[in-house]
Amino acid sequence: MVEGTPKVTVELLHDYVFKVSFSGTEATLIMDEPEPLGKLEGPNASRVLAAAVGNCLSASLAFCLRKAKIEVKSIKTEVEPIVERNEKGYWRVKRLNVKISAQTSDSSNDPRIKRCLEIFENYCVVTGAVREGIEVNVNVETS
């Protein structure tokens, strides 16, 4: 599942509004902070993190079910990022509450479905990394 070395570029447009571009695709995303800093013209970083976890878990579940030859009719995932202050008083995403609703062509008692529910999270690159903690190397250049 290696996709090379993807890059994400984040460019300030105005105030707290940023345009996010993804290498290898024409897709862009507008991000903004909620009030009082911004106007929530797009999702903020907490919501994008929640979306990344939700997307990864959904894709991993779909992959496992399809690999088990189970038809996936729909998957809808809701992720609620819970933001609280840490011990130093800084706001942090403390947890993500995830609810996945999957509809398949087979009975939920099917042993193949039960097996997928046991293992699908292991294939989610983002959720696994978030759970373990991610090393972040920061280098700031000013001019």
C-alpha atoms as a PDB file:
ATOM      1  CA  MET A   1       0.000   0.000   0.000  1.00  0.00           C
ATOM      2  CA  VAL A   2       3.013   2.231  -0.368  1.00  0.00           C
ATOM      3  CA  GLU A   3       2.158   5.269  -2.464  1.00  0.00           C
ATOM      4  CA  GLY A   4       5.628   6.757  -2.729  1.00  0.00           C
ATOM      5  CA  THR A   5       6.310   9.899  -0.781  1.00  0.00           C
ATOM      6  CA  PRO A   6       3.125  11.960  -0.919  1.00  0.00           C
ATOM      7  CA  LYS A   7       3.272  15.599   0.018  1.00  0.00           C
ATOM      8  CA  VAL A   8       0.594  17.865   1.347  1.00  0.00           C
ATOM      9  CA  THR A   9       1.030  21.615   0.825  1.00  0.00           C
ATOM     10  CA  VAL A  10      -0.751  24.089   3.090  1.00  0.00           C
ATOM     11  CA  GLU A  11      -0.923  27.702   1.877  1.00  0.00           C
ATOM     12  CA  LEU A  12      -2.330  30.675   3.789  1.00  0.00           C
ATOM     13  CA  LEU A  13      -5.046  32.462   1.785  1.00  0.00           C
ATOM     14  CA  HIS A  14      -6.195  35.013   4.393  1.00  0.00           C
ATOM     15  CA  ASP A  15      -6.948  35.235   8.115  1.00  0.00           C
ATOM     16  CA  TYR A  16      -6.975  31.558   9.226  1.00  0.00           C
ATOM     17  CA  VAL A  17      -8.136  30.193   5.860  1.00  0.00           C
ATOM     18  CA  PHE A  18      -5.694  27.779   4.223  1.00  0.00           C
ATOM     19  CA  LYS A  19      -5.715  25.970   0.883  1.00  0.00           C
ATOM     20  CA  VAL A  20      -4.471  22.397   1.135  1.00  0.00           C
ATOM     21  CA  SER A  21      -3.116  20.656  -1.979  1.00  0.00           C
ATOM     22  CA  PHE A  22      -2.208  16.996  -2.349  1.00  0.00           C
ATOM     23  CA  SER A  23       0.629  15.828  -4.620  1.00  0.00           C
ATOM     24  CA  GLY A  24      -0.439  13.559  -7.454  1.00  0.00           C
ATOM     25  CA  THR A  25      -3.995  14.912  -7.565  1.00  0.00           C
ATOM     26  CA  GLU A  26      -5.834  18.068  -8.497  1.00  0.00           C
ATOM     27  CA  ALA A  27      -7.909  17.896  -5.312  1.00  0.00           C
ATOM     28  CA  THR A  28      -7.736  20.783  -2.862  1.00  0.00           C
ATOM     29  CA  LEU A  29      -9.287  21.425   0.508  1.00  0.00           C
ATOM     30  CA  ILE A  30     -10.082  24.741   2.179  1.00  0.00           C
ATOM     31  CA  MET A  31      -9.552  24.740   5.935  1.00  0.00           C
ATOM     32  CA  ASP A  32     -10.442  27.365   8.514  1.00  0.00           C
ATOM     33  CA  GLU A  33     -10.732  27.741  12.259  1.00  0.00           C
ATOM     34  CA  PRO A  34     -14.087  28.144  14.004  1.00  0.00           C
ATOM     35  CA  GLU A  35     -15.015  31.442  15.668  1.00  0.00           C
ATOM     36  CA  PRO A  36     -13.615  33.465  17.309  1.00  0.00           C
ATOM     37  CA  LEU A  37     -10.450  32.992  15.192  1.00  0.00           C
ATOM     38  CA  GLY A  38     -12.031  32.119  11.870  1.00  0.00           C
ATOM     39  CA  LYS A  39     -15.398  31.696  10.214  1.00  0.00           C
ATOM     40  CA  LEU A  40     -15.263  27.922   9.645  1.00  0.00           C
ATOM     41  CA  GLU A  41     -15.147  28.372   5.852  1.00  0.00           C
ATOM     42  CA  GLY A  42     -13.909  24.787   5.826  1.00  0.00           C
ATOM     43  CA  PRO A  43     -13.069  22.110   8.370  1.00  0.00           C
ATOM     44  CA  ASN A  44     -10.416  22.785  10.974  1.00  0.00           C
ATOM     45  CA  ALA A  45      -7.521  20.425  11.709  1.00  0.00           C
ATOM     46  CA  SER A  46      -9.441  18.468  14.378  1.00  0.00           C
ATOM     47  CA  ARG A  47     -12.191  17.676  11.884  1.00  0.00           C
ATOM     48  CA  VAL A  48      -9.709  16.718   9.171  1.00  0.00           C
ATOM     49  CA  LEU A  49      -7.959  14.381  11.621  1.00  0.00           C
ATOM     50  CA  ALA A  50     -11.356  12.852  12.451  1.00  0.00           C
ATOM     51  CA  ALA A  51     -12.097  12.522   8.722  1.00  0.00           C
ATOM     52  CA  ALA A  52      -8.752  10.805   8.114  1.00  0.00           C
ATOM     53  CA  VAL A  53      -9.412   8.267  10.864  1.00  0.00           C
ATOM     54  CA  GLY A  54     -12.996   7.723   9.710  1.00  0.00           C
ATOM     55  CA  ASN A  55     -11.973   7.298   6.085  1.00  0.00           C
ATOM     56  CA  CYS A  56      -9.154   4.911   6.921  1.00  0.00           C
ATOM     57  CA  LEU A  57     -11.330   2.734   9.160  1.00  0.00           C
ATOM     58  CA  SER A  58     -14.134   2.691   6.568  1.00  0.00           C
ATOM     59  CA  ALA A  59     -11.754   1.763   3.758  1.00  0.00           C
ATOM     60  CA  SER A  60     -10.128  -0.944   5.884  1.00  0.00           C
ATOM     61  CA  LEU A  61     -13.513  -2.454   6.736  1.00  0.00           C
ATOM     62  CA  ALA A  62     -14.615  -2.339   3.080  1.00  0.00           C
ATOM     63  CA  PHE A  63     -11.333  -3.972   2.027  1.00  0.00           C
ATOM     64  CA  CYS A  64     -11.677  -6.802   4.541  1.00  0.00           C
ATOM     65  CA  LEU A  65     -15.313  -7.483   3.676  1.00  0.00           C
ATOM     66  CA  ARG A  66     -14.633  -7.468  -0.072  1.00  0.00           C
ATOM     67  CA  LYS A  67     -11.599  -9.705   0.380  1.00  0.00           C
ATOM     68  CA  ALA A  68     -13.922 -12.121   2.230  1.00  0.00           C
ATOM     69  CA  LYS A  69     -16.261 -12.025  -0.814  1.00  0.00           C
ATOM     70  CA  ILE A  70     -18.968 -10.102   1.019  1.00  0.00           C
ATOM     71  CA  GLU A  71     -20.881  -7.467  -0.944  1.00  0.00           C
ATOM     72  CA  VAL A  72     -20.712  -4.080   0.740  1.00  0.00           C
ATOM     73  CA  LYS A  73     -23.945  -2.161   0.153  1.00  0.00           C
ATOM     74  CA  SER A  74     -23.035   0.890   2.215  1.00  0.00           C
ATOM     75  CA  ILE A  75     -20.755   2.169   4.926  1.00  0.00           C
ATOM     76  CA  LYS A  76     -21.446   5.342   6.866  1.00  0.00           C
ATOM     77  CA  THR A  77     -18.992   6.456   9.499  1.00  0.00           C
ATOM     78  CA  GLU A  78     -19.390   9.257  12.015  1.00  0.00           C
ATOM     79  CA  VAL A  79     -16.381  10.479  13.972  1.00  0.00           C
ATOM     80  CA  GLU A  80     -16.627  12.875  16.880  1.00  0.00           C
ATOM     81  CA  PRO A  81     -13.351  14.530  17.884  1.00  0.00           C
ATOM     82  CA  ILE A  82     -13.348  15.328  21.599  1.00  0.00           C
ATOM     83  CA  VAL A  83     -11.178  18.383  22.259  1.00  0.00           C
ATOM     84  CA  GLU A  84     -10.139  19.192  25.819  1.00  0.00           C
ATOM     85  CA  ARG A  85      -7.356  21.042  27.574  1.00  0.00           C
ATOM     86  CA  ASN A  86      -4.292  19.018  28.538  1.00  0.00           C
ATOM     87  CA  GLU A  87      -2.441  19.275  31.861  1.00  0.00           C
ATOM     88  CA  LYS A  88      -0.560  22.366  30.571  1.00  0.00           C
ATOM     89  CA  GLY A  89      -3.783  24.085  29.516  1.00  0.00           C
ATOM     90  CA  TYR A  90      -3.399  23.602  25.743  1.00  0.00           C
ATOM     91  CA  TRP A  91      -6.297  22.358  23.625  1.00  0.00           C
ATOM     92  CA  ARG A  92      -5.759  18.815  22.312  1.00  0.00           C
ATOM     93  CA  VAL A  93      -7.811  16.161  20.546  1.00  0.00           C
ATOM     94  CA  LYS A  94      -8.102  13.789  23.490  1.00  0.00           C
ATOM     95  CA  ARG A  95     -10.126  11.056  21.809  1.00  0.00           C
ATOM     96  CA  LEU A  96     -12.114  10.201  18.720  1.00  0.00           C
ATOM     97  CA  ASN A  97     -15.489   8.497  19.077  1.00  0.00           C
ATOM     98  CA  VAL A  98     -16.167   6.453  15.944  1.00  0.00           C
ATOM     99  CA  LYS A  99     -19.473   4.902  14.902  1.00  0.00           C
ATOM    100  CA  ILE A 100     -19.499   2.763  11.749  1.00  0.00           C
ATOM    101  CA  SER A 101     -22.735   1.535  10.172  1.00  0.00           C
ATOM    102  CA  ALA A 102     -22.146  -1.065   7.470  1.00  0.00           C
ATOM    103  CA  GLN A 103     -24.759  -2.750   5.350  1.00  0.00           C
ATOM    104  CA  THR A 104     -23.793  -5.965   3.579  1.00  0.00           C
ATOM    105  CA  SER A 105     -25.502  -8.619   1.491  1.00  0.00           C
ATOM    106  CA  ASP A 106     -24.841 -11.281   4.137  1.00  0.00           C
ATOM    107  CA  SER A 107     -26.106 -11.885   7.669  1.00  0.00           C
ATOM    108  CA  SER A 108     -24.223 -10.149  10.450  1.00  0.00           C
ATOM    109  CA  ASN A 109     -23.844 -13.624  12.002  1.00  0.00           C
ATOM    110  CA  ASP A 110     -21.706 -14.728   9.048  1.00  0.00           C
ATOM    111  CA  PRO A 111     -18.336 -15.859  10.454  1.00  0.00           C
ATOM    112  CA  ARG A 112     -16.529 -13.951   7.681  1.00  0.00           C
ATOM    113  CA  ILE A 113     -18.093 -10.697   8.861  1.00  0.00           C
ATOM    114  CA  LYS A 114     -17.268 -11.480  12.478  1.00  0.00           C
ATOM    115  CA  ARG A 115     -13.653 -12.149  11.460  1.00  0.00           C
ATOM    116  CA  CYS A 116     -13.440  -8.822   9.593  1.00  0.00           C
ATOM    117  CA  LEU A 117     -14.789  -6.983  12.616  1.00  0.00           C
ATOM    118  CA  GLU A 118     -12.007  -8.561  14.686  1.00  0.00           C
ATOM    119  CA  ILE A 119      -9.146  -7.591  12.372  1.00  0.00           C
ATOM    120  CA  PHE A 120     -10.044  -4.649  10.083  1.00  0.00           C
ATOM    121  CA  GLU A 121      -8.631  -1.982  12.423  1.00  0.00           C
ATOM    122  CA  ASN A 122      -5.184  -3.569  12.094  1.00  0.00           C
ATOM    123  CA  TYR A 123      -5.087  -2.506   8.441  1.00  0.00           C
ATOM    124  CA  CYS A 124      -5.885   1.160   9.084  1.00  0.00           C
ATOM    125  CA  VAL A 125      -2.620   3.060   8.659  1.00  0.00           C
ATOM    126  CA  VAL A 126      -3.924   6.303  10.171  1.00  0.00           C
ATOM    127  CA  THR A 127      -5.772   4.921  13.189  1.00  0.00           C
ATOM    128  CA  GLY A 128      -2.837   2.702  14.110  1.00  0.00           C
ATOM    129  CA  ALA A 129      -0.438   5.632  13.898  1.00  0.00           C
ATOM    130  CA  VAL A 130      -2.706   7.932  15.918  1.00  0.00           C
ATOM    131  CA  ARG A 131      -3.118   5.287  18.623  1.00  0.00           C
ATOM    132  CA  GLU A 132       0.633   4.795  18.913  1.00  0.00           C
ATOM    133  CA  GLY A 133       1.526   8.452  18.607  1.00  0.00           C
ATOM    134  CA  ILE A 134       3.199   9.957  15.576  1.00  0.00           C
ATOM    135  CA  GLU A 135       6.648  11.476  15.491  1.00  0.00           C
ATOM    136  CA  VAL A 136       6.400  14.963  14.025  1.00  0.00           C
ATOM    137  CA  ASN A 137       9.580  16.658  12.827  1.00  0.00           C
ATOM    138  CA  VAL A 138       9.176  20.423  12.440  1.00  0.00           C
ATOM    139  CA  ASN A 139      11.564  22.768  10.629  1.00  0.00           C
ATOM    140  CA  VAL A 140      10.594  26.447  10.282  1.00  0.00           C
ATOM    141  CA  GLU A 141      12.314  28.749   7.812  1.00  0.00           C
ATOM    142  CA  THR A 142      11.667  32.480   7.927  1.00  0.00           C
ATOM    143  CA  SER A 143      12.682  35.220   5.553  1.00  0.00           C
END
